[in-house]
Amino acid sequence: MSRSAVLAASLIVASVAVPLARGDLQKELRQTYTGKILSLRIPSNLDVLHFDGNGRPARPSEGEPWTTCGLFRVKKISANLGQISIEGERQAVILGPESVRKLLLVELDRPVHVAIDLPGSPRTLAELNPLLTRIFWPGDLIARMKAAWRTELDLTRAPSDISKIAPDGRVGILAQNRPVYVSEALDKPPMAIYKPVPGLAKKAQRKKTGGSLRVRMVINEHGFPEILEVLERLSEGVDSRVLAAVSQWRFKPAQREQTPVAAMLVVDVNPLSQ
């Protein structure tokens, strides 16, 4: 992520570590987490999630990335009947254009419900820390993004030129040292199989904003958009709607020598032609 390593914004995911406290657990939960961003250690695209008293999810990961499937803002949280119940709104973290140099946090207009079984009868948040830290990942989003996508190439070149200078078509590295290839150099590029359209507000539709939003996408080996980077913007309100839709696109993964791999491509999305 050398081209986007200098970021102006500082986004912190809500920490799940809290000082030793006494008092009403329900009140502490609401005061600590309402309105905060939480990041799942095991991202999921499901809208209803369940974790047992050891922090294990009911369904294992299917390759969903934390950037587009792991973040949500807490709207309501409560503890009763042996469970923590969280109602949230999904978010995606996206790299802004070079001229802006910051991360964009985009609301996906997708509610999520999280149920966590309580071990025993905890009375304070401090007693819940071991469980919560197994489910949620605290920390700085900027630091995580720097480790999530790295490249040393000049990606402003045309895709055909990038494929010529990239060794074996490799253009970068995702977290866990997963190679990313330029689509033009692959036997089978990623193929879109689900493309929800952006729902524009009536005001934005009346303006009939011209042009397209250009986005660089890294589609991982499971077919999920893992990295999104805005290259050319339209307007703030329209951008957010388009990015929310694009982050939920799904693909048949690219293949290299009959093996699924991560691939980079650039797409132009005209919201008025969808």
C-alpha atoms as a PDB file:
ATOM      1  CA  MET A   1       0.000   0.000   0.000  1.00  0.00           C
ATOM      2  CA  SER A   2       2.980   2.324  -0.655  1.00  0.00           C
ATOM      3  CA  ARG A   3       0.942   4.837  -2.699  1.00  0.00           C
ATOM      4  CA  SER A   4      -1.661   5.226   0.044  1.00  0.00           C
ATOM      5  CA  ALA A   5       0.447   4.743   3.136  1.00  0.00           C
ATOM      6  CA  VAL A   6       0.254   8.422   4.159  1.00  0.00           C
ATOM      7  CA  LEU A   7      -3.282   8.804   5.489  1.00  0.00           C
ATOM      8  CA  ALA A   8      -4.705  11.949   7.038  1.00  0.00           C
ATOM      9  CA  ALA A   9      -7.547  10.375   9.004  1.00  0.00           C
ATOM     10  CA  SER A  10      -7.162   8.437  12.228  1.00  0.00           C
ATOM     11  CA  LEU A  11      -9.893   5.849  12.725  1.00  0.00           C
ATOM     12  CA  ILE A  12      -9.873   3.788  15.891  1.00  0.00           C
ATOM     13  CA  VAL A  13     -11.988   0.683  16.356  1.00  0.00           C
ATOM     14  CA  ALA A  14     -13.645   0.577  19.751  1.00  0.00           C
ATOM     15  CA  SER A  15     -11.442  -1.148  22.288  1.00  0.00           C
ATOM     16  CA  VAL A  16     -12.951  -4.089  24.111  1.00  0.00           C
ATOM     17  CA  ALA A  17     -10.583  -3.720  27.050  1.00  0.00           C
ATOM     18  CA  VAL A  18     -12.110  -1.685  29.879  1.00  0.00           C
ATOM     19  CA  PRO A  19     -10.927  -0.864  33.395  1.00  0.00           C
ATOM     20  CA  LEU A  20     -12.148  -2.896  36.333  1.00  0.00           C
ATOM     21  CA  ALA A  21     -15.583  -1.555  37.143  1.00  0.00           C
ATOM     22  CA  ARG A  22     -18.540  -2.128  39.372  1.00  0.00           C
ATOM     23  CA  GLY A  23     -22.130  -1.273  38.693  1.00  0.00           C
ATOM     24  CA  ASP A  24     -24.875  -2.085  36.297  1.00  0.00           C
ATOM     25  CA  LEU A  25     -23.651  -4.206  33.376  1.00  0.00           C
ATOM     26  CA  GLN A  26     -26.445  -3.069  31.093  1.00  0.00           C
ATOM     27  CA  LYS A  27     -25.573   0.584  31.661  1.00  0.00           C
ATOM     28  CA  GLU A  28     -21.860  -0.016  31.159  1.00  0.00           C
ATOM     29  CA  LEU A  29     -22.447  -1.815  27.880  1.00  0.00           C
ATOM     30  CA  ARG A  30     -24.567   1.012  26.517  1.00  0.00           C
ATOM     31  CA  GLN A  31     -22.214   3.760  27.638  1.00  0.00           C
ATOM     32  CA  THR A  32     -19.148   1.980  26.278  1.00  0.00           C
ATOM     33  CA  TYR A  33     -20.342   0.693  22.918  1.00  0.00           C
ATOM     34  CA  THR A  34     -23.357   2.623  21.608  1.00  0.00           C
ATOM     35  CA  GLY A  35     -22.264   4.448  18.451  1.00  0.00           C
ATOM     36  CA  LYS A  36     -18.842   2.769  18.385  1.00  0.00           C
ATOM     37  CA  ILE A  37     -17.314   0.721  15.552  1.00  0.00           C
ATOM     38  CA  LEU A  38     -16.606  -2.947  16.289  1.00  0.00           C
ATOM     39  CA  SER A  39     -14.476  -5.241  14.139  1.00  0.00           C
ATOM     40  CA  LEU A  40     -15.103  -8.982  14.044  1.00  0.00           C
ATOM     41  CA  ARG A  41     -12.013 -11.158  14.374  1.00  0.00           C
ATOM     42  CA  ILE A  42     -13.756 -13.679  12.112  1.00  0.00           C
ATOM     43  CA  PRO A  43     -15.558 -11.578   9.484  1.00  0.00           C
ATOM     44  CA  SER A  44     -18.895 -12.798   8.192  1.00  0.00           C
ATOM     45  CA  ASN A  45     -21.315 -11.723   5.487  1.00  0.00           C
ATOM     46  CA  LEU A  46     -24.314 -13.048   7.418  1.00  0.00           C
ATOM     47  CA  ASP A  47     -26.821 -10.603   8.857  1.00  0.00           C
ATOM     48  CA  VAL A  48     -27.436 -12.744  11.962  1.00  0.00           C
ATOM     49  CA  LEU A  49     -24.359 -13.892  13.897  1.00  0.00           C
ATOM     50  CA  HIS A  50     -24.124 -16.102  16.965  1.00  0.00           C
ATOM     51  CA  PHE A  51     -21.135 -16.738  19.237  1.00  0.00           C
ATOM     52  CA  ASP A  52     -20.979 -19.274  22.054  1.00  0.00           C
ATOM     53  CA  GLY A  53     -19.683 -18.616  25.562  1.00  0.00           C
ATOM     54  CA  ASN A  54     -16.108 -19.269  24.383  1.00  0.00           C
ATOM     55  CA  GLY A  55     -16.312 -16.735  21.570  1.00  0.00           C
ATOM     56  CA  ARG A  56     -16.603 -19.320  18.802  1.00  0.00           C
ATOM     57  CA  PRO A  57     -18.846 -18.396  15.845  1.00  0.00           C
ATOM     58  CA  ALA A  58     -21.686 -20.698  14.863  1.00  0.00           C
ATOM     59  CA  ARG A  59     -20.430 -20.605  11.267  1.00  0.00           C
ATOM     60  CA  PRO A  60     -16.773 -20.657  10.165  1.00  0.00           C
ATOM     61  CA  SER A  61     -15.303 -18.054   7.837  1.00  0.00           C
ATOM     62  CA  GLU A  62     -15.759 -18.479   4.099  1.00  0.00           C
ATOM     63  CA  GLY A  63     -12.999 -16.067   3.189  1.00  0.00           C
ATOM     64  CA  GLU A  64     -14.822 -12.813   3.932  1.00  0.00           C
ATOM     65  CA  PRO A  65     -12.418  -9.884   4.441  1.00  0.00           C
ATOM     66  CA  TRP A  66     -12.623  -7.624   7.476  1.00  0.00           C
ATOM     67  CA  THR A  67     -12.547  -4.519   5.276  1.00  0.00           C
ATOM     68  CA  THR A  68     -15.986  -5.105   3.727  1.00  0.00           C
ATOM     69  CA  CYS A  69     -17.513  -7.855   5.903  1.00  0.00           C
ATOM     70  CA  GLY A  70     -16.139  -7.338   9.403  1.00  0.00           C
ATOM     71  CA  LEU A  71     -17.070  -3.857  10.616  1.00  0.00           C
ATOM     72  CA  PHE A  72     -20.295  -2.506  12.086  1.00  0.00           C
ATOM     73  CA  ARG A  73     -21.452   0.472  14.127  1.00  0.00           C
ATOM     74  CA  VAL A  74     -23.343  -0.390  17.317  1.00  0.00           C
ATOM     75  CA  LYS A  75     -26.870   1.042  17.436  1.00  0.00           C
ATOM     76  CA  LYS A  76     -28.252  -0.896  20.409  1.00  0.00           C
ATOM     77  CA  ILE A  77     -26.676  -3.268  22.922  1.00  0.00           C
ATOM     78  CA  SER A  78     -28.134  -5.104  25.891  1.00  0.00           C
ATOM     79  CA  ALA A  79     -27.493  -8.074  28.149  1.00  0.00           C
ATOM     80  CA  ASN A  80     -30.348 -10.322  29.256  1.00  0.00           C
ATOM     81  CA  LEU A  81     -31.517 -13.941  29.208  1.00  0.00           C
ATOM     82  CA  GLY A  82     -27.909 -15.153  29.259  1.00  0.00           C
ATOM     83  CA  GLN A  83     -26.875 -13.274  26.116  1.00  0.00           C
ATOM     84  CA  ILE A  84     -25.406 -10.032  24.891  1.00  0.00           C
ATOM     85  CA  SER A  85     -27.537  -8.738  22.034  1.00  0.00           C
ATOM     86  CA  ILE A  86     -26.134  -6.167  19.587  1.00  0.00           C
ATOM     87  CA  GLU A  87     -27.970  -4.412  16.784  1.00  0.00           C
ATOM     88  CA  GLY A  88     -25.621  -2.713  14.355  1.00  0.00           C
ATOM     89  CA  GLU A  89     -25.189  -1.204  10.909  1.00  0.00           C
ATOM     90  CA  ARG A  90     -22.515  -2.654   8.646  1.00  0.00           C
ATOM     91  CA  GLN A  91     -19.628  -0.473   7.496  1.00  0.00           C
ATOM     92  CA  ALA A  92     -16.871  -0.848   4.912  1.00  0.00           C
ATOM     93  CA  VAL A  93     -13.448   0.788   5.077  1.00  0.00           C
ATOM     94  CA  ILE A  94     -12.181   2.071   1.727  1.00  0.00           C
ATOM     95  CA  LEU A  95      -9.036   3.850   0.571  1.00  0.00           C
ATOM     96  CA  GLY A  96      -9.729   7.424  -0.503  1.00  0.00           C
ATOM     97  CA  PRO A  97      -8.248   8.991  -3.638  1.00  0.00           C
ATOM     98  CA  GLU A  98      -4.648  10.226  -3.660  1.00  0.00           C
ATOM     99  CA  SER A  99      -5.764  13.857  -3.457  1.00  0.00           C
ATOM    100  CA  VAL A 100      -7.642  13.183  -0.198  1.00  0.00           C
ATOM    101  CA  ARG A 101      -5.232  10.780   1.501  1.00  0.00           C
ATOM    102  CA  LYS A 102      -7.575   9.284   4.040  1.00  0.00           C
ATOM    103  CA  LEU A 103      -9.710   6.248   4.769  1.00  0.00           C
ATOM    104  CA  LEU A 104     -13.399   6.380   3.962  1.00  0.00           C
ATOM    105  CA  LEU A 105     -15.820   4.639   6.302  1.00  0.00           C
ATOM    106  CA  VAL A 106     -18.961   3.855   4.307  1.00  0.00           C
ATOM    107  CA  GLU A 107     -22.289   2.740   5.789  1.00  0.00           C
ATOM    108  CA  LEU A 108     -23.701  -0.225   3.865  1.00  0.00           C
ATOM    109  CA  ASP A 109     -27.354   0.189   4.862  1.00  0.00           C
ATOM    110  CA  ARG A 110     -27.310  -3.443   6.023  1.00  0.00           C
ATOM    111  CA  PRO A 111     -28.350  -4.183   9.608  1.00  0.00           C
ATOM    112  CA  VAL A 112     -26.587  -6.929  11.530  1.00  0.00           C
ATOM    113  CA  HIS A 113     -27.652  -8.736  14.699  1.00  0.00           C
ATOM    114  CA  VAL A 114     -25.008 -10.281  16.954  1.00  0.00           C
ATOM    115  CA  ALA A 115     -25.877 -12.642  19.820  1.00  0.00           C
ATOM    116  CA  ILE A 116     -23.164 -13.672  22.286  1.00  0.00           C
ATOM    117  CA  ASP A 117     -23.819 -16.370  24.886  1.00  0.00           C
ATOM    118  CA  LEU A 118     -22.712 -15.268  28.343  1.00  0.00           C
ATOM    119  CA  PRO A 119     -20.471 -17.582  30.366  1.00  0.00           C
ATOM    120  CA  GLY A 120     -21.942 -17.723  33.853  1.00  0.00           C
ATOM    121  CA  SER A 121     -23.350 -14.515  35.302  1.00  0.00           C
ATOM    122  CA  PRO A 122     -20.862 -11.674  34.715  1.00  0.00           C
ATOM    123  CA  ARG A 123     -21.615  -8.469  36.604  1.00  0.00           C
ATOM    124  CA  THR A 124     -19.091  -6.080  35.020  1.00  0.00           C
ATOM    125  CA  LEU A 125     -17.484  -5.376  31.667  1.00  0.00           C
ATOM    126  CA  ALA A 126     -14.129  -6.330  33.142  1.00  0.00           C
ATOM    127  CA  GLU A 127     -15.421  -9.866  33.668  1.00  0.00           C
ATOM    128  CA  LEU A 128     -16.490  -9.964  29.985  1.00  0.00           C
ATOM    129  CA  ASN A 129     -13.135  -8.830  28.581  1.00  0.00           C
ATOM    130  CA  PRO A 130     -11.695 -12.324  27.922  1.00  0.00           C
ATOM    131  CA  LEU A 131     -14.803 -13.252  25.923  1.00  0.00           C
ATOM    132  CA  LEU A 132     -15.131  -9.986  24.011  1.00  0.00           C
ATOM    133  CA  THR A 133     -11.469  -9.890  22.994  1.00  0.00           C
ATOM    134  CA  ARG A 134     -11.912 -13.310  21.376  1.00  0.00           C
ATOM    135  CA  ILE A 135     -14.739 -11.939  19.222  1.00  0.00           C
ATOM    136  CA  PHE A 136     -13.742  -8.342  18.440  1.00  0.00           C
ATOM    137  CA  TRP A 137     -10.452  -6.878  17.266  1.00  0.00           C
ATOM    138  CA  PRO A 138      -9.528  -3.488  18.791  1.00  0.00           C
ATOM    139  CA  GLY A 139      -7.047  -1.109  17.256  1.00  0.00           C
ATOM    140  CA  ASP A 140      -6.201   1.460  14.628  1.00  0.00           C
ATOM    141  CA  LEU A 141      -7.840   0.931  11.228  1.00  0.00           C
ATOM    142  CA  ILE A 142      -5.040   2.809   9.467  1.00  0.00           C
ATOM    143  CA  ALA A 143      -2.419   0.443  10.861  1.00  0.00           C
ATOM    144  CA  ARG A 144      -4.489  -2.550   9.789  1.00  0.00           C
ATOM    145  CA  MET A 145      -4.956  -1.168   6.282  1.00  0.00           C
ATOM    146  CA  LYS A 146      -1.207  -0.666   5.881  1.00  0.00           C
ATOM    147  CA  ALA A 147      -0.760  -4.375   6.511  1.00  0.00           C
ATOM    148  CA  ALA A 148      -3.784  -5.373   4.437  1.00  0.00           C
ATOM    149  CA  TRP A 149      -2.526  -4.311   0.996  1.00  0.00           C
ATOM    150  CA  ARG A 150       1.022  -3.578  -0.148  1.00  0.00           C
ATOM    151  CA  THR A 151       2.422  -2.783  -3.573  1.00  0.00           C
ATOM    152  CA  GLU A 152       5.659  -1.295  -4.877  1.00  0.00           C
ATOM    153  CA  LEU A 153       4.406  -0.729  -8.428  1.00  0.00           C
ATOM    154  CA  ASP A 154       3.083   2.417 -10.060  1.00  0.00           C
ATOM    155  CA  LEU A 155      -0.561   1.463 -10.408  1.00  0.00           C
ATOM    156  CA  THR A 156      -1.447   4.656 -12.253  1.00  0.00           C
ATOM    157  CA  ARG A 157      -0.274   2.948 -15.455  1.00  0.00           C
ATOM    158  CA  ALA A 158      -2.721   1.295 -17.824  1.00  0.00           C
ATOM    159  CA  PRO A 159      -3.529  -2.328 -16.864  1.00  0.00           C
ATOM    160  CA  SER A 160      -1.859  -3.603 -20.025  1.00  0.00           C
ATOM    161  CA  ASP A 161       1.348  -1.747 -19.106  1.00  0.00           C
ATOM    162  CA  ILE A 162       1.217  -3.022 -15.521  1.00  0.00           C
ATOM    163  CA  SER A 163       1.000  -6.601 -16.750  1.00  0.00           C
ATOM    164  CA  LYS A 164       4.207  -6.061 -18.736  1.00  0.00           C
ATOM    165  CA  ILE A 165       6.302  -4.723 -15.852  1.00  0.00           C
ATOM    166  CA  ALA A 166       4.868  -6.961 -13.107  1.00  0.00           C
ATOM    167  CA  PRO A 167       6.785 -10.216 -12.590  1.00  0.00           C
ATOM    168  CA  ASP A 168       4.415 -13.067 -13.444  1.00  0.00           C
ATOM    169  CA  GLY A 169       1.596 -10.513 -13.338  1.00  0.00           C
ATOM    170  CA  ARG A 170       1.992 -10.048  -9.591  1.00  0.00           C
ATOM    171  CA  VAL A 171       1.191  -6.496  -8.482  1.00  0.00           C
ATOM    172  CA  GLY A 172       1.003  -6.656  -4.693  1.00  0.00           C
ATOM    173  CA  ILE A 173       0.467  -8.592  -1.489  1.00  0.00           C
ATOM    174  CA  LEU A 174      -2.575  -8.963   0.748  1.00  0.00           C
ATOM    175  CA  ALA A 175      -2.385  -9.828   4.455  1.00  0.00           C
ATOM    176  CA  GLN A 176      -0.977 -13.271   5.225  1.00  0.00           C
ATOM    177  CA  ASN A 177       1.344 -12.842   2.192  1.00  0.00           C
ATOM    178  CA  ARG A 178      -1.325 -13.636  -0.389  1.00  0.00           C
ATOM    179  CA  PRO A 179      -0.178 -12.537  -3.867  1.00  0.00           C
ATOM    180  CA  VAL A 180      -2.376 -10.285  -6.005  1.00  0.00           C
ATOM    181  CA  TYR A 181      -2.249 -10.462  -9.805  1.00  0.00           C
ATOM    182  CA  VAL A 182      -3.359  -8.006 -12.446  1.00  0.00           C
ATOM    183  CA  SER A 183      -6.442  -9.465 -14.157  1.00  0.00           C
ATOM    184  CA  GLU A 184      -4.991  -9.068 -17.656  1.00  0.00           C
ATOM    185  CA  ALA A 185      -2.188 -11.519 -16.819  1.00  0.00           C
ATOM    186  CA  LEU A 186      -4.429 -14.326 -15.548  1.00  0.00           C
ATOM    187  CA  ASP A 187      -5.846 -17.387 -17.296  1.00  0.00           C
ATOM    188  CA  LYS A 188      -9.294 -16.545 -15.912  1.00  0.00           C
ATOM    189  CA  PRO A 189      -9.998 -13.070 -14.520  1.00  0.00           C
ATOM    190  CA  PRO A 190     -12.605 -12.624 -11.772  1.00  0.00           C
ATOM    191  CA  MET A 191     -16.184 -12.759 -13.045  1.00  0.00           C
ATOM    192  CA  ALA A 192     -18.958 -10.796 -11.351  1.00  0.00           C
ATOM    193  CA  ILE A 193     -21.880 -13.011 -10.307  1.00  0.00           C
ATOM    194  CA  TYR A 194     -23.741 -10.560  -8.062  1.00  0.00           C
ATOM    195  CA  LYS A 195     -23.777  -6.787  -8.577  1.00  0.00           C
ATOM    196  CA  PRO A 196     -26.295  -4.910  -6.414  1.00  0.00           C
ATOM    197  CA  VAL A 197     -27.021  -1.436  -7.770  1.00  0.00           C
ATOM    198  CA  PRO A 198     -26.620   1.720  -5.687  1.00  0.00           C
ATOM    199  CA  GLY A 199     -29.845   3.115  -4.281  1.00  0.00           C
ATOM    200  CA  LEU A 200     -29.600   6.842  -4.941  1.00  0.00           C
ATOM    201  CA  ALA A 201     -31.695   9.358  -3.049  1.00  0.00           C
ATOM    202  CA  LYS A 202     -34.281  11.278  -5.114  1.00  0.00           C
ATOM    203  CA  LYS A 203     -32.268  14.475  -4.729  1.00  0.00           C
ATOM    204  CA  ALA A 204     -29.191  12.836  -6.253  1.00  0.00           C
ATOM    205  CA  GLN A 205     -31.302  11.340  -9.050  1.00  0.00           C
ATOM    206  CA  ARG A 206     -32.745  14.758  -9.915  1.00  0.00           C
ATOM    207  CA  LYS A 207     -29.253  16.231 -10.182  1.00  0.00           C
ATOM    208  CA  LYS A 208     -28.347  13.508 -12.693  1.00  0.00           C
ATOM    209  CA  THR A 209     -24.679  13.693 -11.834  1.00  0.00           C
ATOM    210  CA  GLY A 210     -22.655  12.870 -14.939  1.00  0.00           C
ATOM    211  CA  GLY A 211     -19.616  10.647 -15.167  1.00  0.00           C
ATOM    212  CA  SER A 212     -18.550   7.500 -13.378  1.00  0.00           C
ATOM    213  CA  LEU A 213     -16.960   6.590 -10.094  1.00  0.00           C
ATOM    214  CA  ARG A 214     -13.678   4.815 -10.836  1.00  0.00           C
ATOM    215  CA  VAL A 215     -12.631   2.229  -8.261  1.00  0.00           C
ATOM    216  CA  ARG A 216      -9.616  -0.046  -8.005  1.00  0.00           C
ATOM    217  CA  MET A 217     -10.696  -3.394  -6.576  1.00  0.00           C
ATOM    218  CA  VAL A 218      -8.732  -6.317  -5.204  1.00  0.00           C
ATOM    219  CA  ILE A 219     -10.945  -9.395  -5.369  1.00  0.00           C
ATOM    220  CA  ASN A 220      -9.652 -12.090  -3.038  1.00  0.00           C
ATOM    221  CA  GLU A 221      -9.318 -15.784  -3.778  1.00  0.00           C
ATOM    222  CA  HIS A 222     -12.833 -16.396  -2.419  1.00  0.00           C
ATOM    223  CA  GLY A 223     -14.530 -13.832  -4.660  1.00  0.00           C
ATOM    224  CA  PHE A 224     -14.992 -11.037  -2.091  1.00  0.00           C
ATOM    225  CA  PRO A 225     -13.853  -7.437  -2.657  1.00  0.00           C
ATOM    226  CA  GLU A 226     -11.086  -7.118  -0.075  1.00  0.00           C
ATOM    227  CA  ILE A 227      -9.553  -3.773  -1.029  1.00  0.00           C
ATOM    228  CA  LEU A 228     -11.415  -0.869  -2.617  1.00  0.00           C
ATOM    229  CA  GLU A 229      -9.650   2.346  -3.583  1.00  0.00           C
ATOM    230  CA  VAL A 230     -11.373   5.385  -5.081  1.00  0.00           C
ATOM    231  CA  LEU A 231      -9.540   6.707  -8.142  1.00  0.00           C
ATOM    232  CA  GLU A 232     -12.042   9.265  -9.479  1.00  0.00           C
ATOM    233  CA  ARG A 233     -14.932  10.697  -7.464  1.00  0.00           C
ATOM    234  CA  LEU A 234     -18.350  12.060  -8.368  1.00  0.00           C
ATOM    235  CA  SER A 235     -19.888  13.743  -5.318  1.00  0.00           C
ATOM    236  CA  GLU A 236     -19.776  12.804  -1.653  1.00  0.00           C
ATOM    237  CA  GLY A 237     -23.355  11.575  -1.313  1.00  0.00           C
ATOM    238  CA  VAL A 238     -23.349   9.679  -4.613  1.00  0.00           C
ATOM    239  CA  ASP A 239     -19.901   8.214  -3.922  1.00  0.00           C
ATOM    240  CA  SER A 240     -21.028   6.696  -0.624  1.00  0.00           C
ATOM    241  CA  ARG A 241     -24.049   4.994  -2.216  1.00  0.00           C
ATOM    242  CA  VAL A 242     -22.005   3.592  -5.095  1.00  0.00           C
ATOM    243  CA  LEU A 243     -19.189   2.389  -2.839  1.00  0.00           C
ATOM    244  CA  ALA A 244     -21.694   0.731  -0.500  1.00  0.00           C
ATOM    245  CA  ALA A 245     -23.072  -1.241  -3.462  1.00  0.00           C
ATOM    246  CA  VAL A 246     -19.672  -2.107  -4.983  1.00  0.00           C
ATOM    247  CA  SER A 247     -18.348  -3.381  -1.649  1.00  0.00           C
ATOM    248  CA  GLN A 248     -21.101  -6.024  -1.742  1.00  0.00           C
ATOM    249  CA  TRP A 249     -20.379  -7.290  -5.253  1.00  0.00           C
ATOM    250  CA  ARG A 250     -19.486 -10.956  -5.444  1.00  0.00           C
ATOM    251  CA  PHE A 251     -17.255 -12.696  -7.979  1.00  0.00           C
ATOM    252  CA  LYS A 252     -16.243 -16.056  -9.278  1.00  0.00           C
ATOM    253  CA  PRO A 253     -12.572 -15.927  -8.226  1.00  0.00           C
ATOM    254  CA  ALA A 254      -9.776 -15.462 -10.722  1.00  0.00           C
ATOM    255  CA  GLN A 255      -7.624 -18.485 -11.530  1.00  0.00           C
ATOM    256  CA  ARG A 256      -3.942 -18.894 -12.208  1.00  0.00           C
ATOM    257  CA  GLU A 257      -2.826 -22.346 -13.273  1.00  0.00           C
ATOM    258  CA  GLN A 258      -6.235 -23.668 -12.154  1.00  0.00           C
ATOM    259  CA  THR A 259      -5.805 -22.247  -8.643  1.00  0.00           C
ATOM    260  CA  PRO A 260      -8.032 -19.462  -7.229  1.00  0.00           C
ATOM    261  CA  VAL A 261      -6.008 -16.287  -6.655  1.00  0.00           C
ATOM    262  CA  ALA A 262      -6.580 -12.657  -5.693  1.00  0.00           C
ATOM    263  CA  ALA A 263      -6.825 -10.260  -8.627  1.00  0.00           C
ATOM    264  CA  MET A 264      -6.789  -6.510  -9.153  1.00  0.00           C
ATOM    265  CA  LEU A 265      -9.074  -4.706 -11.580  1.00  0.00           C
ATOM    266  CA  VAL A 266     -10.352  -1.186 -12.183  1.00  0.00           C
ATOM    267  CA  VAL A 267     -14.078  -0.594 -12.669  1.00  0.00           C
ATOM    268  CA  ASP A 268     -16.064   2.461 -13.720  1.00  0.00           C
ATOM    269  CA  VAL A 269     -19.514   2.637 -12.162  1.00  0.00           C
ATOM    270  CA  ASN A 270     -22.057   5.063 -13.595  1.00  0.00           C
ATOM    271  CA  PRO A 271     -24.836   5.192 -10.970  1.00  0.00           C
ATOM    272  CA  LEU A 272     -27.400   6.518 -13.462  1.00  0.00           C
ATOM    273  CA  SER A 273     -26.895   3.657 -15.907  1.00  0.00           C
ATOM    274  CA  GLN A 274     -27.334   0.875 -13.348  1.00  0.00           C
END
